[in-house]
Every structure is written in structure tokens, then in C-alpha cells.
N, C-alpha and C. Protein backbone atom coordinates (compact mmCIF):
# COMPACT_ATOMS: atom_id res chain seq x y z
N UNK A 1 0.85 -1.17 0.00
CA UNK A 1 0.00 0.00 0.00
C UNK A 1 0.90 1.23 0.00
N UNK A 2 0.63 2.18 -0.88
CA UNK A 2 1.47 3.35 -0.95
C UNK A 2 2.80 3.05 -1.62
N UNK A 3 3.76 3.90 -1.42
CA UNK A 3 5.09 3.72 -1.98
C UNK A 3 6.10 3.72 -0.85
N UNK A 4 6.58 2.54 -0.44
CA UNK A 4 7.57 2.51 0.64
C UNK A 4 8.84 3.25 0.24
N UNK A 5 9.48 3.90 1.19
CA UNK A 5 10.69 4.66 0.90
C UNK A 5 11.81 3.76 0.37
N UNK A 6 11.80 2.48 0.71
CA UNK A 6 12.83 1.58 0.22
C UNK A 6 12.78 1.44 -1.30
N UNK A 7 11.63 1.73 -1.91
CA UNK A 7 11.51 1.66 -3.38
C UNK A 7 12.47 2.62 -4.05
N UNK A 8 12.72 3.76 -3.44
CA UNK A 8 13.62 4.74 -4.04
C UNK A 8 15.06 4.23 -4.09
N UNK A 9 15.43 3.36 -3.18
CA UNK A 9 16.79 2.81 -3.19
C UNK A 9 16.97 1.76 -4.28
N UNK A 10 15.90 1.32 -4.91
CA UNK A 10 15.95 0.31 -5.97
C UNK A 10 16.06 0.91 -7.37
N UNK A 11 16.06 2.26 -7.48
CA UNK A 11 16.17 2.92 -8.78
C UNK A 11 17.59 2.79 -9.30
N UNK A 12 17.75 2.25 -10.52
CA UNK A 12 19.06 2.09 -11.14
C UNK A 12 19.37 3.26 -12.06
N UNK A 13 18.43 3.59 -12.96
CA UNK A 13 18.60 4.67 -13.93
C UNK A 13 17.31 5.44 -14.10
N UNK A 14 17.43 6.71 -14.49
CA UNK A 14 16.27 7.50 -14.89
C UNK A 14 16.56 8.12 -16.25
N UNK A 15 15.51 8.35 -17.01
CA UNK A 15 15.66 8.93 -18.35
C UNK A 15 15.54 10.44 -18.28
N UNK A 16 15.77 11.08 -19.41
CA UNK A 16 15.68 12.53 -19.50
C UNK A 16 14.33 12.92 -20.13
N UNK A 17 13.34 12.11 -19.93
CA UNK A 17 12.00 12.40 -20.44
C UNK A 17 11.06 12.55 -19.24
N UNK A 18 9.85 12.90 -19.50
CA UNK A 18 8.85 12.90 -18.44
C UNK A 18 7.48 12.60 -19.04
N UNK A 19 6.62 12.08 -18.22
CA UNK A 19 5.26 11.76 -18.64
C UNK A 19 4.31 12.20 -17.54
N UNK A 20 3.12 12.60 -17.94
CA UNK A 20 2.11 13.09 -17.00
C UNK A 20 1.01 12.05 -16.87
N UNK A 21 0.60 11.78 -15.64
CA UNK A 21 -0.53 10.89 -15.37
C UNK A 21 -1.63 11.72 -14.74
N UNK A 22 -2.81 11.68 -15.30
CA UNK A 22 -4.01 12.29 -14.71
C UNK A 22 -5.02 11.18 -14.53
N UNK A 23 -5.49 11.01 -13.31
CA UNK A 23 -6.44 9.95 -13.05
C UNK A 23 -7.11 10.14 -11.71
N UNK A 24 -7.56 9.03 -11.13
CA UNK A 24 -8.21 9.08 -9.83
C UNK A 24 -7.58 8.06 -8.90
N UNK A 25 -7.67 8.34 -7.63
CA UNK A 25 -7.13 7.47 -6.60
C UNK A 25 -8.23 7.20 -5.59
N UNK A 26 -8.38 5.96 -5.18
CA UNK A 26 -9.39 5.62 -4.19
C UNK A 26 -8.96 6.05 -2.80
N UNK A 27 -9.83 6.75 -2.10
CA UNK A 27 -9.56 7.19 -0.74
C UNK A 27 -10.78 6.87 0.11
N UNK A 28 -10.66 7.05 1.42
CA UNK A 28 -11.78 6.77 2.32
C UNK A 28 -12.99 7.62 1.96
N UNK A 29 -12.75 8.83 1.45
CA UNK A 29 -13.85 9.73 1.10
C UNK A 29 -14.37 9.51 -0.31
N UNK A 30 -13.80 8.55 -1.03
CA UNK A 30 -14.22 8.27 -2.40
C UNK A 30 -13.07 8.45 -3.37
N UNK A 31 -13.39 8.58 -4.64
CA UNK A 31 -12.37 8.76 -5.67
C UNK A 31 -11.92 10.22 -5.71
N UNK A 32 -10.60 10.41 -5.69
CA UNK A 32 -10.01 11.75 -5.65
C UNK A 32 -9.18 11.95 -6.92
N UNK A 33 -9.35 13.09 -7.63
CA UNK A 33 -8.53 13.32 -8.82
C UNK A 33 -7.07 13.55 -8.42
N UNK A 34 -6.15 12.96 -9.19
CA UNK A 34 -4.72 13.11 -8.92
C UNK A 34 -3.97 13.35 -10.22
N UNK A 35 -2.80 13.98 -10.10
CA UNK A 35 -1.88 14.16 -11.22
C UNK A 35 -0.48 13.86 -10.73
N UNK A 36 0.34 13.29 -11.60
CA UNK A 36 1.73 12.98 -11.25
C UNK A 36 2.59 13.14 -12.49
N UNK A 37 3.84 13.54 -12.28
CA UNK A 37 4.81 13.67 -13.36
C UNK A 37 6.05 12.89 -12.95
N UNK A 38 6.58 12.08 -13.89
CA UNK A 38 7.76 11.28 -13.57
C UNK A 38 8.52 10.97 -14.85
N UNK A 39 9.85 10.85 -14.75
CA UNK A 39 10.61 10.36 -15.89
C UNK A 39 10.48 8.83 -15.95
N UNK A 40 10.88 8.25 -17.05
CA UNK A 40 10.97 6.79 -17.13
C UNK A 40 12.05 6.35 -16.15
N UNK A 41 11.81 5.25 -15.46
CA UNK A 41 12.81 4.76 -14.51
C UNK A 41 13.04 3.27 -14.71
N UNK A 42 14.24 2.84 -14.36
CA UNK A 42 14.59 1.42 -14.36
C UNK A 42 14.88 1.05 -12.92
N UNK A 43 14.17 0.07 -12.42
CA UNK A 43 14.36 -0.36 -11.04
C UNK A 43 14.85 -1.79 -11.00
N UNK A 44 15.61 -2.12 -9.96
CA UNK A 44 16.13 -3.49 -9.83
C UNK A 44 15.11 -4.43 -9.22
N UNK A 45 14.16 -3.88 -8.49
CA UNK A 45 13.18 -4.72 -7.80
C UNK A 45 11.94 -3.88 -7.51
N UNK A 46 10.77 -4.51 -7.60
CA UNK A 46 9.53 -3.81 -7.29
C UNK A 46 8.62 -4.77 -6.54
N UNK A 47 7.92 -4.24 -5.57
CA UNK A 47 6.99 -5.06 -4.78
C UNK A 47 5.57 -4.73 -5.23
N UNK A 48 4.78 -5.76 -5.45
CA UNK A 48 3.38 -5.58 -5.85
C UNK A 48 2.49 -6.29 -4.86
N UNK A 49 1.23 -5.90 -4.86
CA UNK A 49 0.26 -6.51 -3.96
C UNK A 49 -0.92 -6.99 -4.79
N UNK A 50 -1.29 -8.25 -4.59
CA UNK A 50 -2.41 -8.82 -5.32
C UNK A 50 -3.70 -8.26 -4.75
N UNK A 51 -4.59 -7.87 -5.63
CA UNK A 51 -5.89 -7.36 -5.20
C UNK A 51 -6.74 -8.51 -4.69
N UNK A 52 -7.48 -8.26 -3.61
CA UNK A 52 -8.38 -9.32 -3.13
C UNK A 52 -9.51 -9.54 -4.15
N UNK A 53 -9.80 -10.79 -4.40
CA UNK A 53 -10.85 -11.13 -5.37
C UNK A 53 -12.16 -11.32 -4.61
N UNK A 54 -13.14 -10.54 -4.98
CA UNK A 54 -14.45 -10.63 -4.33
C UNK A 54 -15.19 -11.90 -4.73
N UNK A 55 -16.00 -12.37 -3.85
CA UNK A 55 -16.78 -13.57 -4.11
C UNK A 55 -18.23 -13.24 -4.49
N UNK A 56 -18.52 -11.94 -4.61
CA UNK A 56 -19.88 -11.53 -4.94
C UNK A 56 -20.21 -11.93 -6.38
N UNK A 57 -21.39 -12.45 -6.56
CA UNK A 57 -21.87 -12.81 -7.89
C UNK A 57 -22.99 -11.85 -8.26
N UNK A 58 -23.08 -11.46 -9.53
CA UNK A 58 -24.18 -10.57 -9.92
C UNK A 58 -25.52 -11.30 -9.83
N UNK A 59 -26.59 -10.54 -9.62
CA UNK A 59 -27.91 -11.18 -9.53
C UNK A 59 -28.29 -11.84 -10.85
N UNK A 60 -29.06 -12.91 -10.74
CA UNK A 60 -29.50 -13.64 -11.94
C UNK A 60 -30.66 -12.91 -12.61
N UNK A 61 -31.55 -12.33 -11.81
CA UNK A 61 -32.73 -11.64 -12.34
C UNK A 61 -32.65 -10.15 -12.04
N UNK A 62 -33.27 -9.31 -12.88
CA UNK A 62 -33.30 -7.88 -12.58
C UNK A 62 -34.20 -7.59 -11.39
N UNK A 63 -34.04 -6.43 -10.74
CA UNK A 63 -34.93 -6.07 -9.62
C UNK A 63 -36.39 -6.01 -10.07
N UNK A 64 -37.35 -6.28 -9.17
CA UNK A 64 -38.77 -6.23 -9.54
C UNK A 64 -39.12 -4.85 -10.10
N UNK A 65 -39.92 -4.86 -11.14
CA UNK A 65 -40.35 -3.60 -11.78
C UNK A 65 -39.36 -3.11 -12.82
N UNK A 66 -38.25 -3.81 -12.98
CA UNK A 66 -37.26 -3.42 -14.00
C UNK A 66 -36.98 -4.59 -14.93
N UNK A 67 -38.03 -5.24 -15.38
CA UNK A 67 -37.87 -6.39 -16.25
C UNK A 67 -37.23 -5.95 -17.56
N UNK A 68 -36.46 -6.86 -18.13
CA UNK A 68 -35.83 -6.58 -19.41
C UNK A 68 -36.89 -6.47 -20.49
N UNK A 69 -36.65 -5.55 -21.41
CA UNK A 69 -37.58 -5.36 -22.52
C UNK A 69 -36.94 -5.84 -23.80
N UNK A 70 -37.72 -6.42 -24.71
CA UNK A 70 -37.17 -6.94 -25.97
C UNK A 70 -36.64 -5.87 -26.88
């Protein structure tokens, strides 16, 4: 979760370019717009976290009063 400071010690090289990311980040208060700028980087090691897979299944039938129409 987040970016541990040890990740910065794994950077081997950085490029002389930059790229902009505009998107959203999930927070306790909901989705928050974010922007970031970074050069291309080469790292020796990166840690990732597997997302938990939900066991929820979608309903088989639509809610009452919202029947599908042909």
C-alpha cells in the first residue's frame, strides 16, 4: 500500500523524459482526482500486492419492476 521509501533505493537509472498521469485514486472519502509527473525509470526490484478477489456474484434476475424489454 502506498510507496515505501525503500523503493527509491531500488532505482538504477532515470531517463531525460517525463510523462504526465491524470487519473483518480481511491480514498476513504471516495475517488479523488490526482496528477503525477515522472521520468521513465529502471528499477532493480519492485513489490506488488495482489488485489483481493471478491466472491460476490451478480444477480440472476433484474430487480422487480425493471424487467428486461425486448
